[in-house]
Amino acid sequence: MARMPLTRSEWVYEQLKEAILSGKLAPGERLVVDHLARELGTSSIPVRETLRRLEAEGWVERTPFVGARVAPIRLEEMEELFTIRLALEPLLARTSVKGVGKDGVAQLEQLVKKMDECAEQNDTTQYSQLNYEFHQLLYSFSPWKELYRIVNTVWEKSARSRWIFVQTPTSMVESQKEHWMMIQALKEQNEEEMEKWMYIQKKRAFHDYLSIVKQSLEKRE
């Protein structure tokens, strides 16, 4: 089904949110409406609307006498979110195995092949997007829809971690090894192996991301 064209406000929202998640707009960076409007080639109205929406979602903060800025990364909050994800995502992956089907496995394998190409070309941005699509698609096959909803909610709150590959390009190599082991587990309908490899991947990725955040915070002190 074709996606409906975006309104100007929706387009500005997607551009600014992605810039925050990718780190292009850094934590704590000031968000000046007129400057952002010039960069995006739009009027200030959709930018103001977007900043209010991002503030309501927790991605933007307003400070008296300073104005809007990108919300900082709070280490304790990220550690809590990652602990929840580490407990739930391997289970969600396990429950996806029986519901995936041959067509689903083929779709997931195609995504992993595309990620192989991105890794070879060191295209971290596209790799991050494809990795997100892989996990979203895999989890969607789970019959445990309440667990799927909970994981998506927590995932959205920690969405900045999607861009771990941008900060550590070498992690793509390890990630691909793990993805191919997951594909093998799906083909063999091996729930235990799927759960194991998802746990291994998430534990490694979360450790790497938190290490980067800690180093960044230490530099500012």
Foldseek 3Di string as FASTA:
>chain_A
DDDDDDDPLRVLLVVVVVCLLQCVQPAFHADDQVVSCVVVVHDSVSVVVNQVVCVVVPQWDQDPPRGIGGHHDDLVLLVVLLVVCLVQLLVLLLQLLVQQDPVNLVVLVVLLVVLVVCLVVLVLVVNLVSVVVNSLSSSVSGPPVVSVVVNVVSCVVNSSLSSLCVVPVVVSVVVSVLSVQLSVCSVVSPSVSSSVSVSVSSVVSSVSVSVVSVVVVVVVD
